[in-house]
Amino acid sequence: MGRIQYFSTVLSELGGMLEYISPLTAVPLLIAFAFREYSVILPMAAVPVTLFSLGFLLNHLPRRKEDIRLSSAFCSVALVWLAFALASTIPFILVLDLSLTDALFETMAGWTGTGFSLIMPSPYIPETLLFWRTFMQWIGGMGVIALSITMASRGGLIQSPLFRSDSRSERILPGVIATGKELWAVYIFLTLIGAGVILVAGIPLYEAINLSITTISTGGFVPVEGGLAAYNSRLLEYLLIPVMIVGSTPFTLYYISYRKRKLSLLGNEQVKLLLLFLAGGAAIVIADLYYLDSLALSDAVRQGLFVTAAAISTTGYPEQNLQYFPSVTIVFLMLLMFIGGSSESSAGGIKLSRIAIGYRGILWWFKRIFIRAKVLVPFTYAGEKVPDSVAEPELSKNMLVIILSVLTVFIATMVVLQFHLISLEVTDLVFDIVSALSSCGLSTGYVSPGMPFVSKWVFILVMWIGRLEVIPVIVLFMGIFRGHE
C-alpha cells in the first residue's frame, strides 16, 4: 500500500471524529454571550467551523473499500488529539496574541488534561478563553475514557464488560464515538455531582461547575487568578479529594452501577489499588512534611492528602508549593504520577491495571523458573486462568508501554538539558517531564512562560505522547517516515 493511499484511509477515519466533536467546541460561545464578550465570538466560532469543515473534507476523501489496518487506526488516534490542539489555538492567537508555540502548549495541555499553563488567569483574559481552556480538558477526558474502553473491548486480559467490538475490525475511532455516546450521560451526571460537592465549600455556582469540570476530567486547571489559593478554603481542598478519586476510577463501574441500580466499586482491583496508593502514599507524604519539613500536623495532613490525591489521580492542580517539599517527597510523588489512575478513566500515567498485570507477570515468570519445564504454571487474573497464548503477548505489550514511557522521559530530559544554557536542578526537570507524560500538571517550577523555546516543544510532544500511551504516536511517525507496503 502506497503512502498516499495509506494516509487517505487514516485521514478519512480522522474526519469522522472531527465532525462528531466539532459541535461540542461551540459550547464556549454561550459563555461569550453570557459575559458579553462579543469580541471573542468570531475567533471562538472559528474552532468548531474549522473542525467541522476539515472533518467533512477528510471524511469524503476517496479511498479504497478495504479493512483498515491496526497501524492506520493508531495513526488516526494520534492525529485526532493533534488536530484538536492545533485548531483550538485560533482564539488564543487572535485574542491573546500568543505565539503558535505558546498557544499550542495551552491547547495541548487542555486536550490532554494536563494542568500546565503558560497563561495566568487575570481580569485581562476573557472569561470565554478561561472556560475554553477548562472545557478542552473535559472533552478530552471523555475522549480518553471512550478510547481506553474501546481498546479494552478488543480482547486481552482486561476486557470492558460493556462494549464488545467486532474483533475482526481494526477501526478504533468509530468505536470511540459509539462508546462516548453511551457514557455522556454518566459523565455529565458525575460532573454535576462534583459541582454539588464543591458548592458545600461556599464556592459560587459558575466557579463550582468550572472546578468540577477540571476535576472530573483530572485536568487541574483553575480559571481563577491565584488558583485554588485564591479561595483560601481548607474545606474546598478536602472536598476536591473525593471528586479527584471519582475522576480516576473506571467509568465502566459507574455505568454498570447505573444500569443495575447498585453501586459496586470496592470489588474492582483498580479501585482497591487506587485507595491503597492514596492511603499509603498520603501517610508517607504527611510524615515527610511533618518530620522533614517541620510543618504543623494539621497543615501536613491537609497538604499531604491533597497533593497525594492530585498526584495519583493525575489531576495536578499545579499551584502547590512543591519547591519547598523535601527531595525524597518529590521523588515519591513523581512515582505516584508515573503510575497514575485507573484505565477506563480520565486519569493519565501508565495506569493501575498495568501495575497489577506487571506484578502478576513477574510472579508468574519467577514461578516458572523454579518449576520443571513439563509442569504448566497457569497465569491468573481477576480470579480466572488465562491461556499462555493470551498472557504472554499481553504482558509483553504492558511492559513495552512502561519501557517506552521511561525512555520518553529519558530522551526528553536529555534534549532539554542539551539546549538549556543555564544550570538547573535535574530532579525538578525530570519531575515536570514525568508530570507532562502522565497528563498531571504538578510542577516544581520549571514549567513557566519564560522556559526556553525548545523546552516548550519538548513538553508539547511529551504531553501528546503520554496521553496516548506512546504507541500511537510512534506508529504515526513510522508511517510518515517509513511508508507501508
Protein backbone atom coordinates (compact mmCIF):
# COMPACT_ATOMS: atom_id res chain seq x y z
CA MET A 1 0.00 0.00 0.00
CA GLY A 2 1.44 3.37 -1.01
CA ARG A 3 1.90 6.17 1.48
CA ILE A 4 -0.81 8.36 -0.14
CA GLN A 5 -3.36 5.53 -0.22
CA TYR A 6 -2.46 4.55 3.34
CA PHE A 7 -2.95 8.03 4.76
CA SER A 8 -6.15 8.63 2.78
CA THR A 9 -7.62 5.83 4.90
CA VAL A 10 -6.17 7.35 8.07
CA LEU A 11 -7.49 10.83 7.29
CA SER A 12 -10.96 9.52 6.44
CA GLU A 13 -11.12 7.95 9.90
CA LEU A 14 -9.94 11.23 11.41
CA GLY A 15 -12.62 13.21 9.57
CA GLY A 16 -15.47 11.35 11.22
CA MET A 17 -14.12 12.14 14.68
CA LEU A 18 -13.64 15.84 13.89
CA GLU A 19 -17.22 16.11 12.62
CA TYR A 20 -18.55 14.39 15.73
CA ILE A 21 -16.70 16.58 18.25
CA SER A 22 -16.99 19.94 16.44
CA PRO A 23 -20.48 20.85 17.83
CA LEU A 24 -19.18 20.44 21.40
CA THR A 25 -16.46 23.01 20.78
CA ALA A 26 -19.18 25.62 20.16
CA VAL A 27 -20.30 25.50 23.84
CA PRO A 28 -17.90 28.32 24.90
CA LEU A 29 -19.87 30.66 22.62
CA LEU A 30 -22.64 30.54 25.22
CA ILE A 31 -20.16 31.87 27.78
CA ALA A 32 -19.14 34.64 25.39
CA PHE A 33 -22.75 35.78 25.09
CA ALA A 34 -23.40 35.38 28.83
CA PHE A 35 -20.40 37.58 29.74
CA ARG A 36 -20.98 39.91 26.76
CA GLU A 37 -17.51 39.26 25.39
CA TYR A 38 -18.58 39.88 21.82
CA SER A 39 -15.06 40.43 20.51
CA VAL A 40 -14.26 36.79 21.29
CA ILE A 41 -17.22 35.32 19.41
CA LEU A 42 -15.70 35.17 15.92
CA PRO A 43 -12.29 33.79 17.00
CA MET A 44 -14.05 31.24 19.19
CA ALA A 45 -16.53 30.30 16.46
CA ALA A 46 -13.60 29.61 14.16
CA VAL A 47 -12.79 26.46 16.16
CA PRO A 48 -16.00 24.44 15.51
CA VAL A 49 -16.17 25.78 11.95
CA THR A 50 -12.58 24.71 11.27
CA LEU A 51 -13.02 21.28 12.86
CA PHE A 52 -16.30 20.56 11.07
CA SER A 53 -15.05 21.80 7.69
CA LEU A 54 -11.83 19.82 7.96
CA GLY A 55 -13.72 16.76 9.17
CA PHE A 56 -16.25 16.98 6.34
CA LEU A 57 -13.46 17.31 3.79
CA LEU A 58 -11.42 14.42 5.19
CA ASN A 59 -14.46 12.21 5.66
CA HIS A 60 -15.25 12.46 1.96
CA LEU A 61 -11.80 11.71 0.64
CA PRO A 62 -11.80 8.93 -1.95
CA ARG A 63 -10.42 5.67 -0.57
CA ARG A 64 -10.47 2.00 -1.43
CA LYS A 65 -13.03 -0.13 0.37
CA GLU A 66 -10.85 -2.44 2.43
CA ASP A 67 -10.36 -3.30 6.05
CA ILE A 68 -8.35 -0.70 7.90
CA ARG A 69 -5.07 -1.80 9.42
CA LEU A 70 -4.40 -1.54 13.15
CA SER A 71 -1.49 0.77 12.35
CA SER A 72 -3.87 3.06 10.41
CA ALA A 73 -6.21 3.14 13.39
CA PHE A 74 -3.35 4.10 15.71
CA CYS A 75 -2.32 6.88 13.32
CA SER A 76 -5.88 8.20 13.32
CA VAL A 77 -5.95 8.25 17.12
CA ALA A 78 -2.67 10.17 17.29
CA LEU A 79 -3.82 12.69 14.69
CA VAL A 80 -7.15 13.32 16.45
CA TRP A 81 -5.53 14.87 19.52
CA LEU A 82 -3.05 16.80 17.39
CA ALA A 83 -5.80 18.18 15.12
CA PHE A 84 -7.94 19.24 18.10
CA ALA A 85 -4.99 21.02 19.71
CA LEU A 86 -3.97 22.82 16.51
CA ALA A 87 -7.49 24.03 15.68
CA SER A 88 -8.01 25.18 19.27
CA THR A 89 -5.06 27.59 19.07
CA ILE A 90 -7.06 30.03 16.91
CA PRO A 91 -8.75 32.08 19.69
CA PHE A 92 -5.56 32.14 21.81
CA ILE A 93 -3.57 33.52 18.87
CA LEU A 94 -6.20 36.03 17.71
CA VAL A 95 -7.40 37.26 21.12
CA LEU A 96 -4.33 36.98 23.36
CA ASP A 97 -1.76 37.43 20.59
CA LEU A 98 0.12 34.32 21.71
CA SER A 99 2.75 32.74 19.50
CA LEU A 100 1.88 29.42 17.86
CA THR A 101 4.20 27.65 20.30
CA ASP A 102 2.60 29.15 23.42
CA ALA A 103 -0.92 28.69 22.06
CA LEU A 104 -0.24 25.05 21.15
CA PHE A 105 1.25 24.47 24.61
CA GLU A 106 -2.02 25.70 26.14
CA THR A 107 -4.29 23.68 23.88
CA MET A 108 -2.22 20.50 24.08
CA ALA A 109 -2.26 20.81 27.87
CA GLY A 110 -6.01 21.33 27.61
CA TRP A 111 -6.88 18.39 25.37
CA THR A 112 -4.53 16.04 27.22
CA GLY A 113 -5.89 17.04 30.63
CA THR A 114 -2.59 18.42 31.88
CA GLY A 115 -2.65 21.22 34.45
CA PHE A 116 0.32 23.09 32.97
CA SER A 117 -0.32 26.59 31.64
CA LEU A 118 1.74 29.48 30.36
CA ILE A 119 -1.07 31.99 30.88
CA MET A 120 -2.09 33.14 34.32
CA PRO A 121 -5.83 33.87 34.77
CA SER A 122 -6.37 37.58 35.27
CA PRO A 123 -9.10 40.21 34.72
CA TYR A 124 -7.49 40.98 31.35
CA ILE A 125 -8.10 37.50 29.95
CA PRO A 126 -11.65 36.95 28.62
CA GLU A 127 -13.74 34.55 30.69
CA THR A 128 -14.61 32.72 27.48
CA LEU A 129 -10.99 31.69 26.89
CA LEU A 130 -10.55 30.61 30.50
CA PHE A 131 -13.67 28.46 30.21
CA TRP A 132 -12.47 27.12 26.85
CA ARG A 133 -9.15 26.17 28.45
CA THR A 134 -11.05 24.20 31.10
CA PHE A 135 -13.68 22.78 28.73
CA MET A 136 -10.98 21.27 26.50
CA GLN A 137 -9.91 19.13 29.44
CA TRP A 138 -13.48 17.95 29.96
CA ILE A 139 -13.99 16.91 26.32
CA GLY A 140 -10.50 15.38 26.16
CA GLY A 141 -11.16 13.43 29.35
CA MET A 142 -14.29 11.89 27.87
CA GLY A 143 -12.32 11.06 24.73
CA VAL A 144 -9.64 9.23 26.71
CA ILE A 145 -12.27 7.25 28.64
CA ALA A 146 -14.00 6.21 25.42
CA LEU A 147 -10.67 5.35 23.77
CA SER A 148 -9.48 3.17 26.66
CA ILE A 149 -12.81 1.31 26.83
CA THR A 150 -12.76 0.76 23.08
CA MET A 151 -9.24 -0.66 23.23
CA ALA A 152 -10.18 -2.87 26.21
CA SER A 153 -13.12 -4.29 24.28
CA ARG A 154 -10.76 -5.72 21.66
CA GLY A 155 -9.57 -8.58 23.82
CA GLY A 156 -6.68 -9.15 26.17
CA LEU A 157 -6.54 -9.56 29.92
CA ILE A 158 -8.76 -6.59 30.78
CA GLN A 159 -11.96 -6.53 28.77
CA SER A 160 -14.69 -3.99 29.14
CA PRO A 161 -17.86 -5.67 30.40
CA LEU A 162 -19.99 -3.19 28.46
CA PHE A 163 -18.84 -2.64 24.92
CA ARG A 164 -17.69 -5.56 22.79
CA SER A 165 -16.43 -4.61 19.36
CA ASP A 166 -16.03 -6.95 16.44
CA SER A 167 -12.59 -8.49 16.85
CA ARG A 168 -12.23 -8.71 13.08
CA SER A 169 -12.37 -4.93 12.71
CA GLU A 170 -9.35 -2.75 13.44
CA ARG A 171 -11.30 0.52 13.33
CA ILE A 172 -10.94 2.40 16.62
CA LEU A 173 -12.42 5.87 16.19
CA PRO A 174 -15.96 4.66 15.31
CA GLY A 175 -15.82 2.60 18.49
CA VAL A 176 -14.72 5.68 20.44
CA ILE A 177 -17.71 7.62 19.11
CA ALA A 178 -20.15 4.82 19.95
CA THR A 179 -18.72 4.41 23.45
CA GLY A 180 -18.76 8.17 24.02
CA LYS A 181 -22.47 8.29 23.17
CA GLU A 182 -23.15 5.62 25.79
CA LEU A 183 -21.18 7.35 28.53
CA TRP A 184 -22.03 11.04 28.07
CA ALA A 185 -24.98 10.90 30.48
CA VAL A 186 -22.83 9.32 33.21
CA TYR A 187 -20.04 11.83 32.60
CA ILE A 188 -22.37 14.82 32.83
CA PHE A 189 -24.12 13.40 35.90
CA LEU A 190 -20.81 12.91 37.76
CA THR A 191 -19.74 16.43 36.79
CA LEU A 192 -22.93 17.85 38.27
CA ILE A 193 -22.50 15.77 41.43
CA GLY A 194 -18.94 17.10 41.71
CA ALA A 195 -20.22 20.67 41.38
CA GLY A 196 -22.73 20.00 44.14
CA VAL A 197 -19.97 18.73 46.43
CA ILE A 198 -17.85 21.81 45.72
CA LEU A 199 -20.79 24.13 46.45
CA VAL A 200 -20.66 22.94 50.06
CA ALA A 201 -17.45 24.98 50.44
CA GLY A 202 -19.36 28.15 49.55
CA ILE A 203 -17.95 28.45 46.03
CA PRO A 204 -20.16 30.39 43.54
CA LEU A 205 -22.13 28.15 41.18
CA TYR A 206 -20.31 29.07 37.96
CA GLU A 207 -16.89 28.57 39.56
CA ALA A 208 -18.05 25.33 41.18
CA ILE A 209 -19.03 23.99 37.76
CA ASN A 210 -15.63 25.02 36.37
CA LEU A 211 -13.83 23.29 39.22
CA SER A 212 -15.91 20.16 38.78
CA ILE A 213 -15.24 20.11 35.04
CA THR A 214 -11.49 20.29 35.56
CA THR A 215 -11.50 17.80 38.45
CA ILE A 216 -13.72 15.06 36.99
CA SER A 217 -11.57 15.22 33.84
CA THR A 218 -8.44 15.09 36.09
CA GLY A 219 -7.23 18.25 34.35
CA GLY A 220 -6.35 20.56 37.24
CA PHE A 221 -6.55 23.94 35.51
CA VAL A 222 -8.14 26.57 37.77
CA PRO A 223 -9.58 29.52 35.76
CA VAL A 224 -9.30 31.91 38.69
CA GLU A 225 -6.48 34.37 39.38
CA GLY A 226 -4.31 32.85 42.11
CA GLY A 227 -5.58 29.30 41.57
CA LEU A 228 -7.01 27.33 44.48
CA ALA A 229 -5.14 29.56 46.93
CA ALA A 230 -7.48 32.42 45.94
CA TYR A 231 -10.35 30.65 47.71
CA ASN A 232 -8.36 30.27 50.94
CA SER A 233 -10.57 27.33 51.86
CA ARG A 234 -9.27 24.20 53.56
CA LEU A 235 -12.73 22.68 53.26
CA LEU A 236 -12.57 23.07 49.47
CA GLU A 237 -9.29 21.14 49.32
CA TYR A 238 -10.77 18.28 51.33
CA LEU A 239 -13.93 18.26 49.17
CA LEU A 240 -11.93 18.10 45.94
CA ILE A 241 -10.19 14.89 47.00
CA PRO A 242 -13.21 12.56 46.51
CA VAL A 243 -14.01 14.29 43.21
CA MET A 244 -10.44 13.60 42.03
CA ILE A 245 -10.82 9.96 43.05
CA VAL A 246 -14.10 9.68 41.13
CA GLY A 247 -12.37 11.04 38.01
CA SER A 248 -9.57 8.46 38.26
CA THR A 249 -11.87 5.45 38.82
CA PRO A 250 -13.02 3.23 35.89
CA PHE A 251 -16.11 4.86 34.42
CA THR A 252 -17.46 1.48 33.36
CA LEU A 253 -18.17 0.83 37.04
CA TYR A 254 -20.41 3.89 37.24
CA TYR A 255 -22.18 2.82 34.07
CA ILE A 256 -22.74 -0.68 35.46
CA SER A 257 -23.97 0.80 38.73
CA TYR A 258 -26.39 3.00 36.79
CA ARG A 259 -27.71 0.07 34.75
CA LYS A 260 -28.05 -2.26 37.74
CA ARG A 261 -29.14 0.49 40.15
CA LYS A 262 -26.50 -0.75 42.57
CA LEU A 263 -23.19 0.95 43.36
CA SER A 264 -20.35 -1.58 43.34
CA LEU A 265 -16.84 -0.14 43.31
CA LEU A 266 -14.79 -1.78 46.06
CA GLY A 267 -14.79 -5.16 44.33
CA ASN A 268 -12.71 -3.75 41.47
CA GLU A 269 -8.97 -4.37 41.72
CA GLN A 270 -8.02 -0.98 40.30
CA VAL A 271 -10.20 0.81 42.85
CA LYS A 272 -8.55 -1.17 45.64
CA LEU A 273 -5.10 -0.25 44.32
CA LEU A 274 -6.11 3.39 43.93
CA LEU A 275 -7.27 3.62 47.54
CA LEU A 276 -4.20 1.70 48.74
CA PHE A 277 -1.81 4.06 46.95
CA LEU A 278 -3.78 7.06 48.19
CA ALA A 279 -3.77 5.94 51.83
CA GLY A 280 -0.20 4.62 51.88
CA GLY A 281 1.15 7.49 49.78
CA ALA A 282 -0.57 10.13 51.90
CA ALA A 283 0.84 8.58 55.08
CA ILE A 284 4.38 8.80 53.67
CA VAL A 285 3.98 12.35 52.37
CA ILE A 286 2.38 13.54 55.62
CA ALA A 287 5.25 12.00 57.62
CA ASP A 288 7.81 13.68 55.33
CA LEU A 289 6.17 17.08 55.66
CA TYR A 290 5.80 16.74 59.42
CA TYR A 291 9.23 15.34 60.29
CA LEU A 292 11.44 16.62 57.46
CA ASP A 293 9.73 19.91 56.64
CA SER A 294 8.62 20.72 60.21
CA LEU A 295 5.06 21.61 59.20
CA ALA A 296 2.31 21.67 61.80
CA LEU A 297 0.46 18.35 61.86
CA SER A 298 -2.80 19.87 60.58
CA ASP A 299 -1.00 21.50 57.65
CA ALA A 300 0.97 18.34 56.93
CA VAL A 301 -2.23 16.27 56.85
CA ARG A 302 -4.08 18.75 54.62
CA GLN A 303 -1.24 19.24 52.15
CA GLY A 304 -0.19 15.60 52.21
CA LEU A 305 -3.67 14.27 51.47
CA PHE A 306 -4.37 16.80 48.74
CA VAL A 307 -1.06 16.55 46.87
CA THR A 308 -1.09 12.74 47.06
CA ALA A 309 -4.61 12.63 45.59
CA ALA A 310 -3.58 15.18 42.94
CA ALA A 311 -0.56 13.02 42.00
CA ILE A 312 -2.10 9.52 41.90
CA SER A 313 -5.24 10.79 40.12
CA THR A 314 -3.03 12.95 37.83
CA THR A 315 -5.39 15.89 38.42
CA GLY A 316 -2.39 18.06 39.26
CA TYR A 317 -3.51 21.45 40.50
CA PRO A 318 -0.01 22.89 39.92
CA GLU A 319 -0.37 25.74 42.40
CA GLN A 320 1.16 23.56 45.14
CA ASN A 321 4.47 24.88 46.53
CA LEU A 322 6.39 21.73 45.70
CA GLN A 323 9.74 23.54 45.54
CA TYR A 324 9.61 23.67 49.34
CA PHE A 325 8.92 19.94 49.72
CA PRO A 326 11.75 17.56 50.80
CA SER A 327 13.59 15.96 47.86
CA VAL A 328 12.55 12.45 48.89
CA THR A 329 8.90 13.56 48.82
CA ILE A 330 9.33 14.97 45.31
CA VAL A 331 10.74 11.66 44.07
CA PHE A 332 7.91 9.74 45.73
CA LEU A 333 5.24 11.99 44.18
CA MET A 334 6.97 11.51 40.83
CA LEU A 335 6.47 7.76 41.19
CA LEU A 336 2.78 8.21 42.02
CA MET A 337 2.27 10.45 38.97
CA PHE A 338 4.04 7.94 36.73
CA ILE A 339 1.72 5.16 37.95
CA GLY A 340 -1.40 7.31 37.60
CA GLY A 341 -5.04 6.30 37.96
CA SER A 342 -7.25 3.56 36.58
CA SER A 343 -7.66 2.52 32.98
CA GLU A 344 -11.10 3.40 31.56
CA SER A 345 -10.91 6.68 33.48
CA SER A 346 -9.80 10.20 32.56
CA ALA A 347 -6.57 9.83 34.57
CA GLY A 348 -3.13 9.67 32.99
CA GLY A 349 0.01 7.71 33.86
CA ILE A 350 0.82 4.13 32.91
CA LYS A 351 -2.36 3.07 34.75
CA LEU A 352 -3.01 0.87 37.77
CA SER A 353 -4.10 -2.01 35.54
CA ARG A 354 -0.56 -2.27 34.18
CA ILE A 355 0.84 -2.29 37.70
CA ALA A 356 -1.49 -5.17 38.61
CA ILE A 357 -0.70 -7.12 35.44
CA GLY A 358 3.02 -6.43 35.71
CA TYR A 359 3.11 -7.60 39.33
CA ARG A 360 1.33 -10.84 38.49
CA GLY A 361 3.52 -11.29 35.44
CA ILE A 362 6.72 -11.00 37.46
CA LEU A 363 5.47 -13.59 39.96
CA TRP A 364 4.40 -15.85 37.11
CA TRP A 365 7.78 -15.65 35.36
CA PHE A 366 9.72 -16.40 38.54
CA LYS A 367 7.42 -19.29 39.49
CA ARG A 368 8.13 -20.94 36.16
CA ILE A 369 11.87 -20.66 36.76
CA PHE A 370 11.63 -22.93 39.82
CA ILE A 371 9.27 -25.43 38.22
CA ARG A 372 10.19 -28.29 35.88
CA ALA A 373 9.69 -27.48 32.22
CA LYS A 374 6.90 -30.03 31.80
CA VAL A 375 4.83 -28.54 34.63
CA LEU A 376 2.36 -25.88 33.49
CA VAL A 377 2.00 -22.82 35.73
CA PRO A 378 -1.25 -21.01 34.84
CA PHE A 379 -1.43 -17.23 34.73
CA THR A 380 -4.41 -15.97 36.69
CA TYR A 381 -6.07 -12.58 36.54
CA ALA A 382 -9.33 -11.44 38.15
CA GLY A 383 -9.75 -14.96 39.56
CA GLU A 384 -9.63 -16.59 36.13
CA LYS A 385 -6.96 -18.67 34.42
CA VAL A 386 -5.62 -17.01 31.29
CA PRO A 387 -4.13 -19.11 28.44
CA ASP A 388 -0.42 -18.61 27.80
CA SER A 389 -1.27 -17.56 24.23
CA VAL A 390 -3.09 -14.54 25.67
CA ALA A 391 -0.98 -13.86 28.75
CA GLU A 392 2.41 -13.72 27.02
CA PRO A 393 1.58 -11.04 24.40
CA GLU A 394 -0.48 -9.00 26.88
CA LEU A 395 2.35 -8.95 29.40
CA SER A 396 4.77 -8.00 26.64
CA LYS A 397 2.54 -5.12 25.50
CA ASN A 398 2.18 -3.84 29.05
CA MET A 399 5.92 -3.95 29.66
CA LEU A 400 6.52 -2.30 26.26
CA VAL A 401 4.38 0.71 27.21
CA ILE A 402 6.18 1.05 30.56
CA ILE A 403 9.62 0.81 28.94
CA LEU A 404 8.72 3.27 26.18
CA SER A 405 7.36 5.69 28.80
CA VAL A 406 10.61 5.57 30.75
CA LEU A 407 12.57 6.00 27.51
CA THR A 408 10.45 9.04 26.59
CA VAL A 409 11.26 10.68 29.92
CA PHE A 410 14.96 9.97 29.43
CA ILE A 411 15.10 11.36 25.87
CA ALA A 412 13.05 14.45 26.77
CA THR A 413 15.33 15.16 29.74
CA MET A 414 18.46 14.84 27.62
CA VAL A 415 17.08 17.14 24.90
CA VAL A 416 16.11 19.85 27.40
CA LEU A 417 19.48 19.64 29.16
CA GLN A 418 21.28 19.79 25.81
CA PHE A 419 19.59 23.05 24.78
CA HIS A 420 19.19 24.66 28.20
CA LEU A 421 22.00 27.17 28.56
CA ILE A 422 21.79 27.68 32.31
CA SER A 423 22.18 25.20 35.14
CA LEU A 424 19.07 23.70 36.64
CA GLU A 425 18.10 21.06 39.16
CA VAL A 426 17.76 17.81 37.20
CA THR A 427 15.32 16.32 39.73
CA ASP A 428 12.94 19.26 39.23
CA LEU A 429 13.18 18.93 35.45
CA VAL A 430 12.53 15.18 35.47
CA PHE A 431 9.60 15.71 37.84
CA ASP A 432 7.94 18.16 35.43
CA ILE A 433 8.60 15.90 32.42
CA VAL A 434 7.04 12.92 34.22
CA SER A 435 4.14 15.20 35.13
CA ALA A 436 3.69 16.09 31.44
CA LEU A 437 3.93 12.45 30.35
CA SER A 438 1.32 11.48 32.95
CA SER A 439 -1.04 14.34 31.99
CA CYS A 440 -0.80 15.60 35.55
CA GLY A 441 0.45 19.19 35.78
CA LEU A 442 2.10 19.22 39.19
CA SER A 443 5.25 21.29 38.84
CA THR A 444 8.35 22.09 40.84
CA GLY A 445 8.71 25.35 38.95
CA TYR A 446 10.46 24.51 35.68
CA VAL A 447 7.35 24.97 33.54
CA SER A 448 6.82 28.72 33.20
CA PRO A 449 6.20 31.34 30.50
CA GLY A 450 9.95 32.02 30.41
CA MET A 451 11.03 28.45 29.71
CA PRO A 452 13.18 28.04 26.57
CA PHE A 453 11.57 27.62 23.15
CA VAL A 454 12.94 24.10 22.70
CA SER A 455 11.66 23.08 26.13
CA LYS A 456 8.14 24.21 25.25
CA TRP A 457 8.12 21.98 22.18
CA VAL A 458 9.56 19.07 24.14
CA PHE A 459 6.75 19.40 26.68
CA ILE A 460 4.13 19.69 23.90
CA LEU A 461 5.37 16.42 22.40
CA VAL A 462 5.62 14.69 25.77
CA MET A 463 2.06 15.67 26.72
CA TRP A 464 0.79 14.36 23.39
CA ILE A 465 2.80 11.13 23.59
CA GLY A 466 1.90 10.46 27.21
CA ARG A 467 -1.84 10.98 26.84
CA LEU A 468 -1.98 8.39 24.06
CA GLU A 469 0.34 5.99 25.91
CA VAL A 470 3.25 6.33 23.48
CA ILE A 471 2.50 3.65 20.88
CA PRO A 472 0.01 5.52 18.58
CA VAL A 473 2.42 8.46 18.22
CA ILE A 474 5.35 6.15 17.41
CA VAL A 475 3.22 4.33 14.83
CA LEU A 476 2.28 7.68 13.26
CA PHE A 477 5.91 8.73 12.85
CA MET A 478 6.80 5.31 11.47
CA GLY A 479 4.01 5.66 8.94
CA ILE A 480 5.25 9.09 7.89
CA PHE A 481 8.91 8.23 7.52
CA ARG A 482 8.83 4.56 6.56
CA GLY A 483 5.72 4.21 4.46
CA HIS A 484 3.74 0.98 4.07
CA GLU A 485 3.58 -1.92 1.71
